[in-house]
N, C-alpha and C. Protein backbone atom coordinates (compact mmCIF):
# COMPACT_ATOMS: atom_id res chain seq x y z
N UNK A 1 36.48 57.69 -0.18
CA UNK A 1 36.66 56.31 0.26
C UNK A 1 36.59 56.28 1.79
N UNK A 2 35.83 55.35 2.36
CA UNK A 2 35.70 55.31 3.81
C UNK A 2 37.00 54.88 4.49
N UNK A 3 37.21 55.45 5.67
CA UNK A 3 38.40 55.11 6.46
C UNK A 3 38.26 53.69 6.99
N UNK A 4 39.34 52.91 6.95
CA UNK A 4 39.32 51.55 7.44
C UNK A 4 39.16 51.57 8.96
N UNK A 5 38.26 50.77 9.46
CA UNK A 5 38.03 50.71 10.90
C UNK A 5 39.19 50.01 11.59
N UNK A 6 39.51 50.51 12.76
CA UNK A 6 40.55 49.89 13.57
C UNK A 6 39.97 48.61 14.17
N UNK A 7 40.67 47.52 13.95
CA UNK A 7 40.20 46.24 14.49
C UNK A 7 40.29 46.25 16.00
N UNK A 8 39.21 45.93 16.65
CA UNK A 8 39.14 45.94 18.11
C UNK A 8 39.84 44.70 18.66
N UNK A 9 40.85 44.94 19.49
CA UNK A 9 41.56 43.86 20.16
C UNK A 9 41.41 44.02 21.66
N UNK A 10 41.47 42.92 22.38
CA UNK A 10 41.52 43.00 23.84
C UNK A 10 42.81 43.71 24.23
N UNK A 11 42.82 44.34 25.38
CA UNK A 11 43.96 45.15 25.80
C UNK A 11 45.30 44.39 25.76
N UNK A 12 45.38 43.16 26.27
CA UNK A 12 46.67 42.45 26.20
C UNK A 12 47.13 42.18 24.76
N UNK A 13 46.18 41.84 23.88
CA UNK A 13 46.54 41.59 22.48
C UNK A 13 46.98 42.88 21.79
N UNK A 14 46.30 43.99 22.09
CA UNK A 14 46.68 45.27 21.50
C UNK A 14 48.08 45.66 21.98
N UNK A 15 48.35 45.47 23.27
CA UNK A 15 49.68 45.80 23.81
C UNK A 15 50.75 44.96 23.11
N UNK A 16 50.49 43.67 22.95
CA UNK A 16 51.45 42.80 22.26
C UNK A 16 51.67 43.27 20.83
N UNK A 17 50.59 43.66 20.13
CA UNK A 17 50.71 44.16 18.76
C UNK A 17 51.55 45.43 18.74
N UNK A 18 51.32 46.34 19.69
CA UNK A 18 52.08 47.59 19.73
C UNK A 18 53.56 47.33 20.03
N UNK A 19 53.85 46.39 20.91
CA UNK A 19 55.25 46.06 21.21
C UNK A 19 55.93 45.46 19.99
N UNK A 20 55.23 44.58 19.29
CA UNK A 20 55.81 43.97 18.09
C UNK A 20 56.05 45.03 17.01
N UNK A 21 55.11 45.93 16.85
CA UNK A 21 55.28 47.02 15.88
C UNK A 21 56.44 47.92 16.29
N UNK A 22 56.61 48.15 17.58
CA UNK A 22 57.73 48.96 18.07
C UNK A 22 59.06 48.32 17.71
N UNK A 23 59.15 47.01 17.82
CA UNK A 23 60.38 46.31 17.45
C UNK A 23 60.66 46.44 15.96
N UNK A 24 59.61 46.39 15.16
CA UNK A 24 59.79 46.58 13.71
C UNK A 24 60.34 47.98 13.42
N UNK A 25 59.80 48.98 14.09
CA UNK A 25 60.27 50.36 13.90
C UNK A 25 61.73 50.47 14.30
N UNK A 26 62.09 49.91 15.45
CA UNK A 26 63.48 49.95 15.90
C UNK A 26 64.40 49.27 14.90
N UNK A 27 64.00 48.11 14.42
CA UNK A 27 64.80 47.33 13.48
C UNK A 27 64.98 48.08 12.16
N UNK A 28 63.93 48.68 11.68
CA UNK A 28 63.95 49.30 10.36
C UNK A 28 64.42 50.75 10.36
N UNK A 29 64.12 51.49 11.43
CA UNK A 29 64.33 52.94 11.41
C UNK A 29 65.24 53.46 12.52
N UNK A 30 65.52 52.64 13.53
CA UNK A 30 66.37 53.08 14.64
C UNK A 30 65.57 53.68 15.79
N UNK A 31 66.27 53.94 16.88
CA UNK A 31 65.65 54.40 18.12
C UNK A 31 65.01 55.77 18.04
N UNK A 32 65.60 56.68 17.28
CA UNK A 32 65.06 58.03 17.20
C UNK A 32 63.69 58.06 16.54
N UNK A 33 63.40 57.10 15.68
CA UNK A 33 62.12 57.06 14.97
C UNK A 33 60.99 56.51 15.82
N UNK A 34 61.32 55.91 16.95
CA UNK A 34 60.28 55.29 17.77
C UNK A 34 59.64 56.34 18.67
N UNK A 35 58.51 56.84 18.23
CA UNK A 35 57.69 57.75 19.02
C UNK A 35 56.31 57.12 19.14
N UNK A 36 55.53 57.58 20.09
CA UNK A 36 54.19 57.02 20.22
C UNK A 36 53.32 57.38 19.02
N UNK A 37 53.54 58.56 18.45
CA UNK A 37 52.79 58.94 17.26
C UNK A 37 53.12 58.05 16.07
N UNK A 38 54.42 57.80 15.85
CA UNK A 38 54.84 56.92 14.75
C UNK A 38 54.33 55.51 15.00
N UNK A 39 54.40 55.06 16.24
CA UNK A 39 53.90 53.73 16.59
C UNK A 39 52.42 53.61 16.28
N UNK A 40 51.63 54.60 16.70
CA UNK A 40 50.18 54.56 16.46
C UNK A 40 49.89 54.49 14.97
N UNK A 41 50.57 55.35 14.21
CA UNK A 41 50.35 55.39 12.75
C UNK A 41 50.71 54.04 12.12
N UNK A 42 51.85 53.52 12.49
CA UNK A 42 52.33 52.26 11.90
C UNK A 42 51.43 51.08 12.29
N UNK A 43 50.90 51.11 13.54
CA UNK A 43 50.06 50.01 14.02
C UNK A 43 48.61 50.16 13.56
N UNK A 44 48.28 51.33 12.98
CA UNK A 44 46.92 51.54 12.51
C UNK A 44 45.93 51.82 13.62
N UNK A 45 46.41 52.48 14.69
CA UNK A 45 45.54 52.85 15.81
C UNK A 45 45.65 54.35 16.03
N UNK A 46 44.78 54.87 16.86
CA UNK A 46 44.84 56.29 17.19
C UNK A 46 45.95 56.55 18.21
N UNK A 47 46.44 57.77 18.23
CA UNK A 47 47.48 58.13 19.21
C UNK A 47 47.03 57.88 20.65
N UNK A 48 45.78 58.20 21.01
CA UNK A 48 45.37 57.94 22.40
C UNK A 48 45.51 56.47 22.81
N UNK A 49 45.37 55.54 21.87
CA UNK A 49 45.53 54.12 22.22
C UNK A 49 46.98 53.85 22.60
N UNK A 50 47.92 54.37 21.82
CA UNK A 50 49.34 54.18 22.14
C UNK A 50 49.67 54.82 23.48
N UNK A 51 49.16 56.02 23.72
CA UNK A 51 49.43 56.70 24.99
C UNK A 51 48.77 55.97 26.16
N UNK A 52 47.59 55.39 25.93
CA UNK A 52 46.92 54.65 27.00
C UNK A 52 47.76 53.46 27.46
N UNK A 53 48.42 52.81 26.51
CA UNK A 53 49.21 51.63 26.85
C UNK A 53 50.55 51.96 27.49
N UNK A 54 51.20 53.06 27.08
CA UNK A 54 52.57 53.30 27.52
C UNK A 54 52.81 54.65 28.19
N UNK A 55 51.91 55.59 28.01
CA UNK A 55 52.04 56.89 28.66
C UNK A 55 53.02 57.83 27.99
N UNK A 56 54.24 57.38 27.84
CA UNK A 56 55.32 58.19 27.28
C UNK A 56 56.21 57.30 26.42
N UNK A 57 57.09 57.92 25.66
CA UNK A 57 58.08 57.17 24.90
C UNK A 57 58.95 56.35 25.84
N UNK A 58 59.32 56.94 26.96
CA UNK A 58 60.13 56.21 27.95
C UNK A 58 59.37 55.00 28.47
N UNK A 59 58.06 55.17 28.69
CA UNK A 59 57.24 54.04 29.14
C UNK A 59 57.22 52.92 28.12
N UNK A 60 57.18 53.30 26.84
CA UNK A 60 57.23 52.31 25.77
C UNK A 60 58.57 51.58 25.76
N UNK A 61 59.66 52.33 25.87
CA UNK A 61 60.99 51.71 25.86
C UNK A 61 61.18 50.79 27.06
N UNK A 62 60.67 51.19 28.21
CA UNK A 62 60.75 50.33 29.39
C UNK A 62 59.95 49.06 29.18
N UNK A 63 58.74 49.18 28.63
CA UNK A 63 57.92 47.99 28.36
C UNK A 63 58.61 47.06 27.37
N UNK A 64 59.22 47.63 26.33
CA UNK A 64 59.96 46.82 25.36
C UNK A 64 61.12 46.09 26.03
N UNK A 65 61.86 46.82 26.85
CA UNK A 65 63.00 46.22 27.53
C UNK A 65 62.56 45.07 28.43
N UNK A 66 61.50 45.31 29.18
CA UNK A 66 60.98 44.25 30.06
C UNK A 66 60.51 43.04 29.25
N UNK A 67 59.83 43.28 28.14
CA UNK A 67 59.32 42.19 27.32
C UNK A 67 60.46 41.35 26.77
N UNK A 68 61.49 42.00 26.24
CA UNK A 68 62.63 41.27 25.67
C UNK A 68 63.36 40.50 26.77
N UNK A 69 63.61 41.14 27.90
CA UNK A 69 64.33 40.47 28.99
C UNK A 69 63.52 39.32 29.60
N UNK A 70 62.21 39.49 29.71
CA UNK A 70 61.38 38.42 30.26
C UNK A 70 61.39 37.21 29.32
N UNK A 71 61.27 37.47 28.02
CA UNK A 71 61.32 36.38 27.05
C UNK A 71 62.67 35.66 27.11
N UNK A 72 63.76 36.43 27.22
CA UNK A 72 65.11 35.85 27.32
C UNK A 72 65.22 34.99 28.58
N UNK A 73 64.78 35.52 29.72
CA UNK A 73 64.87 34.77 30.98
C UNK A 73 64.05 33.49 30.91
N UNK A 74 62.86 33.56 30.32
CA UNK A 74 62.02 32.36 30.20
C UNK A 74 62.70 31.30 29.33
N UNK A 75 63.30 31.72 28.22
CA UNK A 75 64.02 30.77 27.36
C UNK A 75 65.19 30.15 28.11
N UNK A 76 65.91 30.96 28.86
CA UNK A 76 67.06 30.45 29.61
C UNK A 76 66.62 29.46 30.68
N UNK A 77 65.57 29.77 31.41
CA UNK A 77 65.07 28.85 32.44
C UNK A 77 64.67 27.51 31.84
N UNK A 78 63.96 27.55 30.71
CA UNK A 78 63.56 26.29 30.06
C UNK A 78 64.78 25.50 29.61
N UNK A 79 65.73 26.20 28.99
CA UNK A 79 66.93 25.52 28.48
C UNK A 79 67.75 24.94 29.62
N UNK A 80 67.89 25.67 30.71
CA UNK A 80 68.67 25.18 31.86
C UNK A 80 67.99 23.96 32.48
N UNK A 81 66.67 23.91 32.43
CA UNK A 81 65.94 22.75 32.96
C UNK A 81 66.25 21.48 32.20
N UNK A 82 66.71 21.62 30.95
CA UNK A 82 67.03 20.46 30.12
C UNK A 82 68.53 20.23 29.97
N UNK A 83 69.35 21.09 30.57
CA UNK A 83 70.80 20.98 30.41
C UNK A 83 71.37 19.91 31.33
N UNK A 84 72.38 19.17 30.86
CA UNK A 84 73.08 18.24 31.76
C UNK A 84 73.67 19.01 32.95
N UNK A 85 73.85 18.30 34.04
CA UNK A 85 74.27 18.92 35.29
C UNK A 85 75.79 18.98 35.41
N UNK A 86 76.43 19.74 34.53
CA UNK A 86 77.86 19.99 34.65
C UNK A 86 78.13 21.42 34.16
N UNK A 87 79.21 22.01 34.64
CA UNK A 87 79.48 23.42 34.36
C UNK A 87 79.61 23.69 32.88
N UNK A 88 80.28 22.84 32.15
CA UNK A 88 80.46 23.07 30.73
C UNK A 88 79.12 23.12 30.00
N UNK A 89 78.22 22.21 30.32
CA UNK A 89 76.90 22.19 29.68
C UNK A 89 76.06 23.40 30.08
N UNK A 90 76.10 23.75 31.35
CA UNK A 90 75.34 24.92 31.82
C UNK A 90 75.89 26.19 31.17
N UNK A 91 77.21 26.31 31.11
CA UNK A 91 77.83 27.48 30.47
C UNK A 91 77.46 27.54 28.99
N UNK A 92 77.48 26.39 28.33
CA UNK A 92 77.10 26.34 26.92
C UNK A 92 75.64 26.73 26.71
N UNK A 93 74.79 26.32 27.62
CA UNK A 93 73.37 26.66 27.53
C UNK A 93 73.16 28.15 27.73
N UNK A 94 73.79 28.71 28.76
CA UNK A 94 73.67 30.15 29.03
C UNK A 94 74.14 30.95 27.81
N UNK A 95 75.29 30.58 27.28
CA UNK A 95 75.84 31.35 26.16
C UNK A 95 75.01 31.16 24.89
N UNK A 96 74.57 29.95 24.61
CA UNK A 96 73.76 29.72 23.40
C UNK A 96 72.45 30.50 23.45
N UNK A 97 71.81 30.52 24.61
CA UNK A 97 70.55 31.26 24.74
C UNK A 97 70.81 32.75 24.61
N UNK A 98 71.87 33.25 25.24
CA UNK A 98 72.16 34.69 25.18
C UNK A 98 72.43 35.12 23.74
N UNK A 99 73.28 34.40 23.05
CA UNK A 99 73.60 34.76 21.66
C UNK A 99 72.39 34.52 20.77
N UNK A 100 71.61 33.49 21.05
CA UNK A 100 70.37 33.27 20.31
C UNK A 100 69.41 34.44 20.43
N UNK A 101 69.33 35.02 21.62
CA UNK A 101 68.48 36.20 21.81
C UNK A 101 69.05 37.39 21.05
N UNK A 102 70.36 37.48 20.93
CA UNK A 102 70.96 38.54 20.12
C UNK A 102 70.62 38.35 18.65
N UNK A 103 70.57 37.09 18.20
CA UNK A 103 70.16 36.81 16.82
C UNK A 103 68.72 37.29 16.62
N UNK A 104 67.88 36.96 17.58
CA UNK A 104 66.46 37.28 17.48
C UNK A 104 66.18 38.78 17.60
N UNK A 105 66.88 39.47 18.50
CA UNK A 105 66.58 40.87 18.81
C UNK A 105 67.71 41.83 18.52
N UNK A 106 68.72 41.40 17.80
CA UNK A 106 69.94 42.17 17.65
C UNK A 106 69.79 43.63 17.31
N UNK A 107 69.16 43.94 16.18
CA UNK A 107 69.10 45.32 15.75
C UNK A 107 68.23 46.17 16.66
N UNK A 108 67.06 45.66 17.04
CA UNK A 108 66.21 46.46 17.91
C UNK A 108 66.80 46.58 19.32
N UNK A 109 67.50 45.53 19.76
CA UNK A 109 68.14 45.57 21.08
C UNK A 109 69.19 46.67 21.12
N UNK A 110 69.99 46.78 20.06
CA UNK A 110 71.02 47.82 19.99
C UNK A 110 70.39 49.21 19.99
N UNK A 111 69.35 49.40 19.18
CA UNK A 111 68.69 50.70 19.11
C UNK A 111 68.03 51.05 20.43
N UNK A 112 67.40 50.07 21.05
CA UNK A 112 66.73 50.31 22.32
C UNK A 112 67.72 50.60 23.43
N UNK A 113 68.83 49.88 23.47
CA UNK A 113 69.83 50.11 24.50
C UNK A 113 70.35 51.54 24.46
N UNK A 114 70.57 52.06 23.25
CA UNK A 114 71.01 53.44 23.12
C UNK A 114 69.95 54.42 23.58
N UNK A 115 68.71 54.15 23.23
CA UNK A 115 67.62 55.06 23.58
C UNK A 115 67.31 55.02 25.08
N UNK A 116 67.64 53.93 25.74
CA UNK A 116 67.33 53.79 27.17
C UNK A 116 68.29 54.53 28.09
N UNK A 117 69.42 54.94 27.59
CA UNK A 117 70.42 55.57 28.45
C UNK A 117 70.06 57.01 28.79
N UNK A 118 70.33 57.40 30.03
CA UNK A 118 70.23 58.81 30.40
C UNK A 118 68.99 59.21 31.16
N UNK A 119 67.98 58.38 31.27
CA UNK A 119 66.77 58.70 32.02
C UNK A 119 66.81 57.89 33.31
N UNK A 120 66.57 58.55 34.45
CA UNK A 120 66.71 57.89 35.75
C UNK A 120 65.80 56.68 35.89
N UNK A 121 64.55 56.79 35.46
CA UNK A 121 63.63 55.66 35.58
C UNK A 121 64.07 54.51 34.68
N UNK A 122 64.50 54.84 33.47
CA UNK A 122 64.96 53.79 32.56
C UNK A 122 66.24 53.15 33.09
N UNK A 123 67.13 53.95 33.66
CA UNK A 123 68.35 53.40 34.26
C UNK A 123 68.02 52.45 35.41
N UNK A 124 67.02 52.83 36.23
CA UNK A 124 66.60 51.99 37.36
C UNK A 124 66.06 50.65 36.85
N UNK A 125 65.22 50.70 35.83
CA UNK A 125 64.64 49.47 35.28
C UNK A 125 65.74 48.61 34.66
N UNK A 126 66.67 49.22 33.93
CA UNK A 126 67.76 48.46 33.33
C UNK A 126 68.59 47.77 34.41
N UNK A 127 68.85 48.46 35.52
CA UNK A 127 69.61 47.85 36.62
C UNK A 127 68.83 46.71 37.25
N UNK A 128 67.54 46.89 37.42
CA UNK A 128 66.69 45.82 37.97
C UNK A 128 66.73 44.58 37.06
N UNK A 129 66.61 44.79 35.77
CA UNK A 129 66.65 43.67 34.83
C UNK A 129 68.02 43.00 34.82
N UNK A 130 69.08 43.80 34.89
CA UNK A 130 70.45 43.25 34.94
C UNK A 130 70.64 42.44 36.21
N UNK A 131 70.16 42.96 37.34
CA UNK A 131 70.27 42.23 38.61
C UNK A 131 69.54 40.89 38.56
N UNK A 132 68.35 40.90 37.94
CA UNK A 132 67.59 39.65 37.81
C UNK A 132 68.36 38.63 36.96
N UNK A 133 68.98 39.11 35.88
CA UNK A 133 69.74 38.20 35.01
C UNK A 133 70.97 37.65 35.74
N UNK A 134 71.67 38.51 36.46
CA UNK A 134 72.84 38.07 37.23
C UNK A 134 72.42 37.01 38.25
N UNK A 135 71.29 37.21 38.91
CA UNK A 135 70.80 36.24 39.88
C UNK A 135 70.45 34.91 39.20
N UNK A 136 69.88 34.99 38.01
CA UNK A 136 69.51 33.78 37.28
C UNK A 136 70.75 32.98 36.89
N UNK A 137 71.75 33.62 36.31
CA UNK A 137 72.93 32.85 35.93
C UNK A 137 73.73 32.44 37.17
N UNK A 138 73.69 33.28 38.21
CA UNK A 138 74.36 32.90 39.46
C UNK A 138 73.79 31.63 40.05
N UNK A 139 72.46 31.54 40.03
CA UNK A 139 71.81 30.33 40.54
C UNK A 139 72.16 29.11 39.72
N UNK A 140 72.32 29.30 38.42
CA UNK A 140 72.63 28.17 37.53
C UNK A 140 74.04 27.65 37.72
N UNK A 141 74.99 28.56 37.99
CA UNK A 141 76.40 28.13 38.09
C UNK A 141 76.86 27.90 39.52
N UNK A 142 76.09 28.33 40.50
CA UNK A 142 76.50 28.20 41.91
C UNK A 142 76.89 26.79 42.31
N UNK A 143 76.20 25.73 41.86
CA UNK A 143 76.59 24.38 42.27
C UNK A 143 78.00 23.98 41.83
N UNK A 144 78.58 24.72 40.90
CA UNK A 144 79.88 24.36 40.34
C UNK A 144 80.99 25.28 40.82
N UNK A 145 80.71 26.10 41.82
CA UNK A 145 81.68 27.09 42.26
C UNK A 145 81.89 27.04 43.77
N UNK A 146 83.12 27.33 44.18
CA UNK A 146 83.44 27.45 45.60
C UNK A 146 83.53 28.91 46.03
N UNK A 147 83.15 29.83 45.17
CA UNK A 147 83.22 31.25 45.49
C UNK A 147 82.19 31.62 46.55
N UNK A 148 82.49 32.66 47.31
CA UNK A 148 81.49 33.16 48.26
C UNK A 148 80.31 33.72 47.47
N UNK A 149 79.18 33.88 48.11
CA UNK A 149 77.98 34.40 47.46
C UNK A 149 78.25 35.77 46.82
N UNK A 150 78.94 36.65 47.55
CA UNK A 150 79.24 38.00 47.02
C UNK A 150 80.20 37.93 45.84
N UNK A 151 81.23 37.08 45.94
CA UNK A 151 82.18 36.96 44.83
C UNK A 151 81.52 36.35 43.60
N UNK A 152 80.65 35.39 43.82
CA UNK A 152 79.94 34.76 42.70
C UNK A 152 79.04 35.79 42.01
N UNK A 153 78.31 36.58 42.79
CA UNK A 153 77.45 37.61 42.21
C UNK A 153 78.27 38.59 41.38
N UNK A 154 79.42 39.01 41.90
CA UNK A 154 80.26 39.96 41.18
C UNK A 154 80.81 39.35 39.89
N UNK A 155 81.23 38.10 39.94
CA UNK A 155 81.71 37.43 38.72
C UNK A 155 80.60 37.30 37.70
N UNK A 156 79.40 36.96 38.17
CA UNK A 156 78.27 36.84 37.24
C UNK A 156 77.90 38.20 36.65
N UNK A 157 78.03 39.25 37.42
CA UNK A 157 77.80 40.60 36.87
C UNK A 157 78.81 40.89 35.77
N UNK A 158 80.06 40.52 36.00
CA UNK A 158 81.09 40.69 34.98
C UNK A 158 80.81 39.84 33.75
N UNK A 159 80.35 38.63 33.96
CA UNK A 159 80.02 37.76 32.83
C UNK A 159 78.82 38.30 32.05
N UNK A 160 77.86 38.89 32.75
CA UNK A 160 76.72 39.50 32.05
C UNK A 160 77.19 40.66 31.18
N UNK A 161 78.12 41.45 31.69
CA UNK A 161 78.70 42.53 30.89
C UNK A 161 79.47 41.99 29.70
N UNK A 162 80.21 40.92 29.92
CA UNK A 162 80.94 40.29 28.81
C UNK A 162 79.96 39.74 27.78
N UNK A 163 78.86 39.14 28.24
CA UNK A 163 77.86 38.61 27.32
C UNK A 163 77.29 39.72 26.44
N UNK A 164 76.99 40.85 27.03
CA UNK A 164 76.47 41.99 26.27
C UNK A 164 77.47 42.46 25.22
N UNK A 165 78.74 42.54 25.62
CA UNK A 165 79.77 43.00 24.69
C UNK A 165 79.99 41.99 23.56
N UNK A 166 80.02 40.72 23.89
CA UNK A 166 80.19 39.69 22.86
C UNK A 166 79.00 39.69 21.91
N UNK A 167 77.79 39.83 22.46
CA UNK A 167 76.60 39.88 21.61
C UNK A 167 76.66 41.11 20.69
N UNK A 168 77.14 42.22 21.20
CA UNK A 168 77.28 43.42 20.38
C UNK A 168 78.27 43.18 19.24
N UNK A 169 79.37 42.50 19.53
CA UNK A 169 80.34 42.16 18.48
C UNK A 169 79.69 41.27 17.42
N UNK A 170 78.89 40.32 17.85
CA UNK A 170 78.19 39.45 16.91
C UNK A 170 77.22 40.25 16.05
N UNK A 171 76.40 41.11 16.67
CA UNK A 171 75.42 41.91 15.94
C UNK A 171 76.10 42.80 14.91
N UNK A 172 77.28 43.28 15.23
CA UNK A 172 78.04 44.14 14.31
C UNK A 172 78.78 43.36 13.23
N UNK A 173 78.67 42.03 13.26
CA UNK A 173 79.30 41.21 12.24
C UNK A 173 80.76 40.91 12.50
N UNK A 174 81.22 41.12 13.73
CA UNK A 174 82.63 40.90 14.06
C UNK A 174 82.90 39.52 14.64
N UNK A 175 81.86 38.71 14.77
CA UNK A 175 82.00 37.33 15.27
C UNK A 175 80.85 36.52 14.69
N UNK A 176 81.08 35.23 14.51
CA UNK A 176 79.99 34.35 14.10
C UNK A 176 79.17 34.00 15.33
N UNK A 177 77.98 33.49 15.10
CA UNK A 177 77.14 33.07 16.21
C UNK A 177 77.83 31.98 17.02
N UNK A 178 78.45 31.02 16.33
CA UNK A 178 79.12 29.91 17.00
C UNK A 178 80.32 30.39 17.82
N UNK A 179 81.12 31.28 17.22
CA UNK A 179 82.30 31.80 17.92
C UNK A 179 81.90 32.63 19.13
N UNK A 180 80.87 33.45 18.97
CA UNK A 180 80.40 34.27 20.09
C UNK A 180 79.93 33.39 21.24
N UNK A 181 79.13 32.37 20.94
CA UNK A 181 78.62 31.47 21.98
C UNK A 181 79.76 30.69 22.64
N UNK A 182 80.71 30.19 21.85
CA UNK A 182 81.83 29.43 22.41
C UNK A 182 82.71 30.31 23.29
N UNK A 183 82.93 31.54 22.88
CA UNK A 183 83.76 32.45 23.66
C UNK A 183 83.09 32.77 24.99
N UNK A 184 81.80 33.04 24.95
CA UNK A 184 81.09 33.33 26.19
C UNK A 184 81.08 32.11 27.11
N UNK A 185 80.85 30.93 26.56
CA UNK A 185 80.86 29.71 27.38
C UNK A 185 82.22 29.51 28.04
N UNK A 186 83.32 29.77 27.30
CA UNK A 186 84.65 29.62 27.87
C UNK A 186 84.87 30.62 29.01
N UNK A 187 84.39 31.84 28.83
CA UNK A 187 84.53 32.81 29.92
C UNK A 187 83.76 32.39 31.16
N UNK A 188 82.59 31.82 30.96
CA UNK A 188 81.80 31.35 32.11
C UNK A 188 82.54 30.22 32.83
N UNK A 189 82.99 29.24 32.09
CA UNK A 189 83.69 28.11 32.71
C UNK A 189 84.94 28.58 33.45
N UNK A 190 85.74 29.42 32.80
CA UNK A 190 86.98 29.90 33.43
C UNK A 190 86.73 30.88 34.56
N UNK A 191 85.63 31.60 34.51
CA UNK A 191 85.33 32.58 35.55
C UNK A 191 84.65 32.00 36.77
N UNK A 192 84.00 30.87 36.61
CA UNK A 192 83.23 30.28 37.70
C UNK A 192 83.87 29.03 38.26
N UNK A 193 84.58 28.29 37.42
CA UNK A 193 85.11 26.98 37.82
C UNK A 193 85.76 26.97 39.19
N UNK A 194 85.48 25.90 39.90
CA UNK A 194 86.00 25.75 41.27
C UNK A 194 87.48 25.46 41.25
């Protein structure tokens, strides 16, 4: 029986397909199962194609992390653009989007977070992404706070850590989506309020 031909995709579409397949592997099999060889096999492409796109497993994990965080930031920016201009509404928007992203990416996010720890380049990228998120929420809540710029940044960093922990509790089934979002919103209001 003849081997099925690999469907030719443009490079951006192939990369998107490989990232989506990577998320499926993370969701179904966990972080240890995500290798470039397994990805290539599952996506129906040759190993050189997977290596061409990501170089290494770490490169793949970094690309996945960036893709998930970029999508999250874009959703948050759009939602904040439509939020009423008061702290409670902004806090509710931030928390709803964060927990919504945990709903969307929960299992793969947990597996990827574990796999990303311990490599200097991956740690650097994770810090860069965290800093970008802190700046985004800081900009959203700044109009409602009398804190200095440095104090506001530090509080937002703490809130980002709290958001991650609350989302982890939700993913593990220890909180409902509504309770997780309401708890995070309350922390934002109480942590930022003037």
